[in-house]
Amino acid sequence: TNSSQTRTLSFFLGGFPAWEVTQMWFAVPLCSMYLLALLGNLTVLSVIKAEHSLHAPMYLLLAMLAAADLGLSTSTFPTMLRMLWLEAREISFGTCLAQMFFIHTFTDIESAVILAMAFDRYMAICHPLRYSSILTNSATTKICVVIVGRTVLVQLPLPILLTRLCFTRVSKLSHPYCLHPDIIKHAGSDTRINSTYGLFVLLSTLGLDLLFVLLSYLLILRTILNIATWREQLKALNTCISHICAVLLFFIPMICLSMMHRFGKHVPPQAYVFTANLHFLAPPILNPIVYSVKTKPIRRRILRVLCRRGVCRSRAAIC
C-alpha cells in the first residue's frame, strides 16, 4: 500500500556540490554560522527580557523575530552539520516531514512578524499621536498569538497531504534539508492537490505579507516626503533602516527560490544551493547584528555588559 511504502521510505539529502572535496571546508564555517546565529538571537532575547524599558511593542516584535530566527536556524543547521560531520546523508520520511513542517512554520512566522514590524513603523511615522493607544503591549501580544495560530493552521495540512503520496524509490533532494516543493518532485503519484495547496499557502502567507509590507512602505514614503526639512526626512527614514534590511534579507532570496522551484527546470544545482542557503541561513545570522548595531537601547545594553566584564577581568588581573 501507499502508506507502507511511505513509512519505510527515506531520502538522501543533497545540496553540497563536490561533496568529497569540500566536505570539511563546509563543516567549519557552517558550525561557526550556527553558533553565531544562536549567540546573536539569544543575546537580543536576553537584553529585551532584562531591560524593562524595552518591554514595548517594537521590541516585543523584535523578540518574536529573534525567536523565529532561532527556530529556523535550529530546524536547518543541525541536519546540515550531521550530514557534514558524520557523513549521514540519509533521512527518514517521518523526520523529513517534521523538519519540513518546522522550517516552513518558522519561515511563515518570520514573514508575519516582519509584516507586524512594518505596521509598527507605519504607525510610528504616519500616525505618531495614535501609536501608543493602538499598539499597546496587550495588542502586540495578541498579534503574536494570531501569527502563530495562522501559521500552524495553514502549515499542518502539508505533511498530512504528503503521507497520501506514493514514493517508490529513495530519492536525492536538492537541499541539505527538507522543503515541500522539493519533496513532491519525487512522488510517483498525482501531486496536483499538494502543489495547489502549497501554492495557496505560499500566496496566502508569504505573498500577502510581502504585499502589505510594500503597501506600508509606500504610505511611509509618502508621509516622509511630506515632511518639511530633509533632516527630519532622514531621521524618519533612519528608524526604518534595520527593518528594511530584514525585509530584503528575507524576501529577495525567498522569491528567487520559489520562482526557481516552480519555473526553473534548467537552473543549475549550484544556484538552488546558494539561494536556499541564503534564504534560510542569512536572516538568523544577520538580523541580530543589524538590529544590535542600529537599535540604540540594545547596543548600549550589550556594550554595558561587555564593559563590565572588561572591568572585572582587568581588576582580576591587577589583583
Foldseek 3Di string as FASTA:
>chain_A
DQLVQQQAAKAFEDQDPPCVVCLVVVQVVLVVLLVLLVVLLVLLLVLCVVDPVNLWLLSVLVNQLSVLLNQLSVLQSVLSNCCRVVVPRMGHSVNQLVSQLSNQLSLLLNLLSLLVNLVLLLCCQVPVVCNPVCRGSVVSVVSSVVSNVVSCVLSVVLSVVVSPFHQNHHYYFLHSGHHSLRVVVRTPDDCPVNVVSVVVSCCVGNVVSLVSSVVSVVSSVVSLVPDDDVVVSVVSVLVCVLSVVLCCQAPPLVVVLVCCSPPVPPDDSNSNSVSVCSNRRVNSNVSSVSCCVSPVSSVVVVVVVVVVVVVVVVVVVVD
